[in-house]
Amino acid sequence: MSYFKEFLHDLKPEYSVMIEDDDKVCYAYLLIDNEIVGDVWLYNTMKSPVEAEWHSPDNLPFINPIEFIKENIEPFDDETNININWNSENKVVAQIYISNRLIARLSEGDFPGSSSLVIKDGPLAKVI
């Protein structure tokens, strides 16, 4: 696994964001009490396919195909400047920033969440 990190909500520790790159694809997951309640695609580590692979659960986790990708960012490492901005007005929302750039947003029930890295809504991410 090339990257795995969990970010806890300072005021509500039952909430966290887990980012996982398994050397195939990278996703962020919103967790409440260690249960996944939202997810969003962040980037492909492997080459982006032309055809969608979500026709079979054997392909999990799914790589986002080219037609949905606006930008495929560099894979994360321990030097990547990742910050989570938590907003808790009506419901908890986690905004994921890389080097002060908003790249994704997750709240409870977002399957998928939103991303600034996709060009159109799909099953792995919606456009911010």
N, C-alpha and C. Protein backbone atom coordinates (compact mmCIF):
# COMPACT_ATOMS: atom_id res chain seq x y z
N MET A 1 0.85 -1.18 0.00
CA MET A 1 0.00 0.00 0.00
C MET A 1 0.90 1.24 0.00
N SER A 2 0.63 2.16 -0.91
CA SER A 2 1.52 3.30 -1.01
C SER A 2 1.14 4.46 -0.09
N TYR A 3 -0.14 4.56 0.34
CA TYR A 3 -0.51 5.64 1.25
C TYR A 3 -1.75 5.24 2.04
N PHE A 4 -1.69 5.51 3.35
CA PHE A 4 -2.84 5.25 4.22
C PHE A 4 -2.70 6.19 5.41
N LYS A 5 -3.73 7.02 5.62
CA LYS A 5 -3.69 7.95 6.75
C LYS A 5 -5.11 8.27 7.17
N GLU A 6 -5.29 8.41 8.50
CA GLU A 6 -6.59 8.78 9.04
C GLU A 6 -6.48 10.14 9.73
N PHE A 7 -7.48 10.98 9.48
CA PHE A 7 -7.53 12.34 10.03
C PHE A 7 -8.76 12.44 10.92
N LEU A 8 -8.57 12.70 12.22
CA LEU A 8 -9.68 12.78 13.17
C LEU A 8 -10.23 14.19 13.26
N HIS A 9 -11.54 14.28 13.48
CA HIS A 9 -12.20 15.55 13.75
C HIS A 9 -11.82 15.95 15.17
N ASP A 10 -11.26 17.16 15.35
CA ASP A 10 -10.78 17.60 16.66
C ASP A 10 -11.88 17.68 17.71
N LEU A 11 -13.06 18.18 17.32
CA LEU A 11 -14.14 18.40 18.28
C LEU A 11 -15.11 17.22 18.38
N LYS A 12 -15.14 16.40 17.35
CA LYS A 12 -16.03 15.24 17.32
C LYS A 12 -15.21 14.02 16.90
N PRO A 13 -14.47 13.43 17.85
CA PRO A 13 -13.52 12.35 17.49
C PRO A 13 -14.17 11.09 16.93
N GLU A 14 -15.50 10.99 16.98
CA GLU A 14 -16.16 9.84 16.34
C GLU A 14 -16.11 9.96 14.82
N TYR A 15 -15.84 11.17 14.31
CA TYR A 15 -15.71 11.41 12.87
C TYR A 15 -14.25 11.39 12.46
N SER A 16 -14.00 10.79 11.30
CA SER A 16 -12.65 10.83 10.73
C SER A 16 -12.72 10.68 9.22
N VAL A 17 -11.65 11.07 8.58
CA VAL A 17 -11.47 10.84 7.14
C VAL A 17 -10.27 9.92 6.99
N MET A 18 -10.45 8.85 6.24
CA MET A 18 -9.37 7.92 5.96
C MET A 18 -9.06 8.02 4.47
N ILE A 19 -7.79 8.21 4.16
CA ILE A 19 -7.36 8.26 2.77
C ILE A 19 -6.50 7.03 2.51
N GLU A 20 -6.86 6.28 1.45
CA GLU A 20 -6.18 5.04 1.15
C GLU A 20 -5.84 4.94 -0.33
N ASP A 21 -4.55 4.78 -0.61
CA ASP A 21 -4.04 4.50 -1.95
C ASP A 21 -3.47 3.09 -1.90
N ASP A 22 -4.07 2.17 -2.64
CA ASP A 22 -3.65 0.76 -2.61
C ASP A 22 -2.76 0.39 -3.80
N ASP A 23 -2.11 1.38 -4.40
CA ASP A 23 -1.26 1.21 -5.59
C ASP A 23 -2.07 0.95 -6.85
N LYS A 24 -3.39 1.07 -6.77
CA LYS A 24 -4.28 0.96 -7.92
C LYS A 24 -5.04 2.27 -8.08
N VAL A 25 -5.64 2.71 -6.98
CA VAL A 25 -6.50 3.89 -6.97
C VAL A 25 -6.53 4.45 -5.55
N CYS A 26 -6.87 5.74 -5.42
CA CYS A 26 -6.94 6.37 -4.11
C CYS A 26 -8.35 6.89 -3.85
N TYR A 27 -8.87 6.56 -2.68
CA TYR A 27 -10.18 7.02 -2.23
C TYR A 27 -10.05 7.68 -0.86
N ALA A 28 -11.00 8.56 -0.57
CA ALA A 28 -11.17 9.09 0.78
C ALA A 28 -12.49 8.55 1.30
N TYR A 29 -12.51 8.19 2.57
CA TYR A 29 -13.70 7.65 3.22
C TYR A 29 -14.02 8.49 4.44
N LEU A 30 -15.30 8.84 4.60
CA LEU A 30 -15.75 9.48 5.82
C LEU A 30 -16.24 8.38 6.75
N LEU A 31 -15.76 8.40 7.98
CA LEU A 31 -16.14 7.38 8.95
C LEU A 31 -16.80 8.02 10.17
N ILE A 32 -17.79 7.34 10.70
CA ILE A 32 -18.37 7.67 12.00
C ILE A 32 -18.23 6.41 12.84
N ASP A 33 -17.53 6.54 13.95
CA ASP A 33 -17.26 5.38 14.82
C ASP A 33 -16.72 4.20 14.01
N ASN A 34 -15.75 4.49 13.14
CA ASN A 34 -15.05 3.50 12.32
C ASN A 34 -15.93 2.80 11.28
N GLU A 35 -17.11 3.33 11.00
CA GLU A 35 -17.97 2.79 9.95
C GLU A 35 -17.98 3.77 8.78
N ILE A 36 -17.77 3.28 7.57
CA ILE A 36 -17.75 4.13 6.38
C ILE A 36 -19.16 4.63 6.09
N VAL A 37 -19.30 5.97 6.05
CA VAL A 37 -20.60 6.59 5.78
C VAL A 37 -20.56 7.48 4.53
N GLY A 38 -19.42 7.51 3.84
CA GLY A 38 -19.27 8.28 2.61
C GLY A 38 -17.94 7.95 1.97
N ASP A 39 -17.87 8.07 0.64
CA ASP A 39 -16.60 7.84 -0.04
C ASP A 39 -16.51 8.71 -1.28
N VAL A 40 -15.27 8.91 -1.75
CA VAL A 40 -15.05 9.68 -2.97
C VAL A 40 -13.71 9.26 -3.58
N TRP A 41 -13.70 9.16 -4.91
CA TRP A 41 -12.47 8.90 -5.66
C TRP A 41 -11.59 10.14 -5.60
N LEU A 42 -10.27 9.94 -5.41
CA LEU A 42 -9.33 11.05 -5.43
C LEU A 42 -8.41 11.03 -6.64
N TYR A 43 -7.82 9.87 -6.96
CA TYR A 43 -6.97 9.77 -8.15
C TYR A 43 -6.71 8.30 -8.47
N ASN A 44 -6.29 8.07 -9.71
CA ASN A 44 -5.87 6.74 -10.14
C ASN A 44 -4.36 6.64 -10.00
N THR A 45 -3.90 5.56 -9.42
CA THR A 45 -2.46 5.29 -9.36
C THR A 45 -2.05 4.54 -10.63
N MET A 46 -2.88 3.60 -11.04
CA MET A 46 -2.65 2.87 -12.29
C MET A 46 -3.15 3.72 -13.46
N LYS A 47 -2.79 3.31 -14.66
CA LYS A 47 -3.23 4.02 -15.86
C LYS A 47 -4.76 4.06 -15.92
N SER A 48 -5.29 5.23 -16.23
CA SER A 48 -6.74 5.41 -16.32
C SER A 48 -7.28 4.65 -17.53
N PRO A 49 -8.28 3.80 -17.30
CA PRO A 49 -8.83 3.03 -18.42
C PRO A 49 -9.77 3.86 -19.29
N VAL A 50 -9.95 3.44 -20.52
CA VAL A 50 -10.92 4.06 -21.43
C VAL A 50 -12.32 3.58 -21.06
N GLU A 51 -12.45 2.29 -20.78
CA GLU A 51 -13.74 1.68 -20.44
C GLU A 51 -13.89 1.60 -18.92
N ALA A 52 -15.10 1.85 -18.44
CA ALA A 52 -15.39 1.71 -17.01
C ALA A 52 -15.27 0.25 -16.59
N GLU A 53 -14.77 0.04 -15.38
CA GLU A 53 -14.60 -1.34 -14.90
C GLU A 53 -15.58 -1.70 -13.80
N TRP A 54 -16.57 -0.81 -13.54
CA TRP A 54 -17.48 -1.06 -12.42
C TRP A 54 -18.60 -2.04 -12.75
N HIS A 55 -18.50 -2.73 -13.87
CA HIS A 55 -19.48 -3.75 -14.23
C HIS A 55 -19.32 -5.02 -13.38
N SER A 56 -18.17 -5.17 -12.70
CA SER A 56 -17.93 -6.37 -11.90
C SER A 56 -17.34 -6.01 -10.53
N PRO A 57 -17.93 -6.51 -9.45
CA PRO A 57 -17.38 -6.24 -8.13
C PRO A 57 -15.98 -6.83 -7.93
N ASP A 58 -15.57 -7.73 -8.82
CA ASP A 58 -14.21 -8.28 -8.73
C ASP A 58 -13.16 -7.20 -8.95
N ASN A 59 -13.55 -6.10 -9.58
CA ASN A 59 -12.61 -5.01 -9.88
C ASN A 59 -12.48 -3.98 -8.76
N LEU A 60 -13.19 -4.16 -7.65
CA LEU A 60 -13.11 -3.21 -6.53
C LEU A 60 -11.69 -3.12 -5.99
N PRO A 61 -11.24 -1.96 -5.58
CA PRO A 61 -11.85 -0.65 -5.77
C PRO A 61 -11.71 -0.21 -7.22
N PHE A 62 -12.73 0.50 -7.72
CA PHE A 62 -12.78 0.85 -9.13
C PHE A 62 -11.85 2.00 -9.48
N ILE A 63 -11.22 1.88 -10.65
CA ILE A 63 -10.42 2.96 -11.22
C ILE A 63 -11.36 3.84 -12.04
N ASN A 64 -11.22 5.15 -11.91
CA ASN A 64 -12.07 6.06 -12.66
C ASN A 64 -11.61 6.10 -14.12
N PRO A 65 -12.52 5.91 -15.09
CA PRO A 65 -12.13 5.96 -16.49
C PRO A 65 -11.87 7.39 -16.97
N ILE A 66 -11.13 7.49 -18.05
CA ILE A 66 -10.68 8.77 -18.61
C ILE A 66 -11.81 9.76 -18.81
N GLU A 67 -12.97 9.30 -19.26
CA GLU A 67 -14.06 10.23 -19.61
C GLU A 67 -14.57 11.05 -18.41
N PHE A 68 -14.29 10.61 -17.18
CA PHE A 68 -14.75 11.33 -16.00
C PHE A 68 -13.68 12.23 -15.38
N ILE A 69 -12.44 12.05 -15.79
CA ILE A 69 -11.32 12.72 -15.12
C ILE A 69 -10.98 14.06 -15.74
N LYS A 70 -11.01 15.09 -14.91
CA LYS A 70 -10.57 16.43 -15.30
C LYS A 70 -9.06 16.53 -15.09
N GLU A 71 -8.61 15.98 -13.96
CA GLU A 71 -7.19 16.02 -13.62
C GLU A 71 -6.87 14.83 -12.73
N ASN A 72 -5.79 14.13 -13.03
CA ASN A 72 -5.32 13.04 -12.19
C ASN A 72 -4.07 13.53 -11.47
N ILE A 73 -4.17 13.80 -10.16
CA ILE A 73 -3.06 14.38 -9.41
C ILE A 73 -2.00 13.33 -9.08
N GLU A 74 -0.86 13.80 -8.62
CA GLU A 74 0.24 12.91 -8.23
C GLU A 74 -0.15 12.11 -6.99
N PRO A 75 0.29 10.87 -6.90
CA PRO A 75 0.01 10.06 -5.71
C PRO A 75 0.53 10.72 -4.43
N PHE A 76 -0.20 10.50 -3.35
CA PHE A 76 0.18 11.06 -2.06
C PHE A 76 1.36 10.29 -1.47
N ASP A 77 2.13 11.01 -0.66
CA ASP A 77 3.15 10.38 0.17
C ASP A 77 3.19 11.14 1.49
N ASP A 78 4.12 10.82 2.35
CA ASP A 78 4.18 11.45 3.67
C ASP A 78 4.48 12.94 3.60
N GLU A 79 4.95 13.42 2.47
CA GLU A 79 5.25 14.85 2.30
C GLU A 79 4.06 15.64 1.76
N THR A 80 3.02 14.96 1.32
CA THR A 80 1.86 15.63 0.75
C THR A 80 1.16 16.46 1.83
N ASN A 81 0.90 17.73 1.51
CA ASN A 81 0.26 18.65 2.45
C ASN A 81 -1.26 18.48 2.37
N ILE A 82 -1.79 17.59 3.24
CA ILE A 82 -3.22 17.28 3.27
C ILE A 82 -3.82 17.92 4.52
N ASN A 83 -4.89 18.66 4.33
CA ASN A 83 -5.63 19.24 5.45
C ASN A 83 -7.11 18.94 5.29
N ILE A 84 -7.77 18.65 6.40
CA ILE A 84 -9.20 18.41 6.40
C ILE A 84 -9.85 19.58 7.13
N ASN A 85 -10.77 20.25 6.44
CA ASN A 85 -11.54 21.34 7.03
C ASN A 85 -12.91 20.78 7.38
N TRP A 86 -13.23 20.78 8.67
CA TRP A 86 -14.50 20.23 9.14
C TRP A 86 -15.52 21.34 9.30
N ASN A 87 -16.71 21.14 8.76
CA ASN A 87 -17.82 22.08 8.90
C ASN A 87 -18.97 21.31 9.53
N SER A 88 -19.56 21.86 10.57
CA SER A 88 -20.59 21.12 11.30
C SER A 88 -21.88 21.92 11.49
N GLU A 89 -22.32 22.65 10.47
CA GLU A 89 -23.55 23.43 10.64
C GLU A 89 -24.78 22.54 10.77
N ASN A 90 -25.29 21.99 9.70
CA ASN A 90 -26.44 21.09 9.77
C ASN A 90 -25.98 19.64 9.94
N LYS A 91 -24.97 19.26 9.19
CA LYS A 91 -24.37 17.93 9.33
C LYS A 91 -22.87 18.08 9.10
N VAL A 92 -22.12 17.11 9.55
CA VAL A 92 -20.67 17.19 9.43
C VAL A 92 -20.26 17.04 7.97
N VAL A 93 -19.43 17.97 7.51
CA VAL A 93 -18.88 17.94 6.16
C VAL A 93 -17.36 18.01 6.28
N ALA A 94 -16.69 17.11 5.60
CA ALA A 94 -15.22 17.12 5.56
C ALA A 94 -14.79 17.61 4.19
N GLN A 95 -14.01 18.69 4.17
CA GLN A 95 -13.44 19.19 2.93
C GLN A 95 -11.97 18.84 2.93
N ILE A 96 -11.52 18.19 1.85
CA ILE A 96 -10.14 17.71 1.76
C ILE A 96 -9.35 18.67 0.88
N TYR A 97 -8.30 19.23 1.46
CA TYR A 97 -7.44 20.17 0.77
C TYR A 97 -6.06 19.57 0.58
N ILE A 98 -5.50 19.77 -0.59
CA ILE A 98 -4.11 19.42 -0.88
C ILE A 98 -3.39 20.72 -1.21
N SER A 99 -2.39 21.05 -0.42
CA SER A 99 -1.65 22.30 -0.61
C SER A 99 -2.61 23.49 -0.79
N ASN A 100 -3.56 23.61 0.12
CA ASN A 100 -4.54 24.70 0.16
C ASN A 100 -5.52 24.72 -1.01
N ARG A 101 -5.63 23.62 -1.75
CA ARG A 101 -6.56 23.50 -2.87
C ARG A 101 -7.64 22.48 -2.53
N LEU A 102 -8.90 22.90 -2.59
CA LEU A 102 -10.00 21.98 -2.32
C LEU A 102 -10.07 20.94 -3.43
N ILE A 103 -9.94 19.65 -3.03
CA ILE A 103 -10.04 18.60 -4.04
C ILE A 103 -11.24 17.69 -3.85
N ALA A 104 -11.79 17.64 -2.62
CA ALA A 104 -12.94 16.76 -2.41
C ALA A 104 -13.74 17.20 -1.19
N ARG A 105 -15.02 16.79 -1.20
CA ARG A 105 -15.92 17.09 -0.09
C ARG A 105 -16.77 15.85 0.18
N LEU A 106 -16.90 15.53 1.48
CA LEU A 106 -17.66 14.35 1.90
C LEU A 106 -18.57 14.70 3.06
N SER A 107 -19.77 14.16 3.06
CA SER A 107 -20.64 14.22 4.23
C SER A 107 -21.34 12.87 4.35
N GLU A 108 -21.98 12.65 5.47
CA GLU A 108 -22.64 11.37 5.72
C GLU A 108 -23.65 11.08 4.61
N GLY A 109 -23.56 9.87 4.05
CA GLY A 109 -24.47 9.45 2.99
C GLY A 109 -23.99 9.75 1.59
N ASP A 110 -22.83 10.40 1.46
CA ASP A 110 -22.28 10.69 0.13
C ASP A 110 -21.60 9.46 -0.45
N PHE A 111 -22.28 8.80 -1.34
CA PHE A 111 -21.74 7.65 -2.08
C PHE A 111 -22.06 7.87 -3.55
N PRO A 112 -21.35 8.70 -4.28
CA PRO A 112 -20.04 9.24 -3.94
C PRO A 112 -20.12 10.67 -3.42
N GLY A 113 -18.97 11.12 -2.90
CA GLY A 113 -18.80 12.52 -2.54
C GLY A 113 -18.44 13.34 -3.77
N SER A 114 -18.05 14.59 -3.53
CA SER A 114 -17.76 15.53 -4.63
C SER A 114 -16.26 15.74 -4.77
N SER A 115 -15.85 16.03 -6.00
CA SER A 115 -14.43 16.23 -6.30
C SER A 115 -14.25 17.36 -7.31
N SER A 116 -13.18 18.10 -7.14
CA SER A 116 -12.83 19.12 -8.13
C SER A 116 -11.98 18.51 -9.24
N LEU A 117 -11.72 17.21 -9.16
CA LEU A 117 -10.84 16.54 -10.12
C LEU A 117 -11.59 15.76 -11.19
N VAL A 118 -12.92 15.83 -11.16
CA VAL A 118 -13.72 15.16 -12.19
C VAL A 118 -14.41 16.19 -13.07
N ILE A 119 -14.66 15.79 -14.31
CA ILE A 119 -15.26 16.70 -15.29
C ILE A 119 -16.77 16.52 -15.39
N LYS A 120 -17.26 15.35 -14.93
CA LYS A 120 -18.70 15.11 -14.92
C LYS A 120 -19.03 14.11 -13.82
N ASP A 121 -20.28 14.14 -13.37
CA ASP A 121 -20.72 13.24 -12.32
C ASP A 121 -20.63 11.79 -12.78
N GLY A 122 -20.21 10.94 -11.86
CA GLY A 122 -20.14 9.52 -12.13
C GLY A 122 -20.35 8.75 -10.84
N PRO A 123 -20.24 7.44 -10.89
CA PRO A 123 -20.47 6.63 -9.69
C PRO A 123 -19.35 6.70 -8.66
N LEU A 124 -18.21 7.30 -9.01
CA LEU A 124 -17.08 7.37 -8.08
C LEU A 124 -16.88 8.76 -7.49
N ALA A 125 -17.39 9.79 -8.16
CA ALA A 125 -17.27 11.17 -7.68
C ALA A 125 -18.22 12.06 -8.47
N LYS A 126 -18.73 13.09 -7.78
CA LYS A 126 -19.56 14.10 -8.42
C LYS A 126 -18.77 15.39 -8.51
N VAL A 127 -19.11 16.22 -9.45
CA VAL A 127 -18.42 17.50 -9.65
C VAL A 127 -18.76 18.44 -8.49
N ILE A 128 -17.74 19.09 -7.95
CA ILE A 128 -17.96 20.14 -6.92
C ILE A 128 -18.51 21.34 -7.65
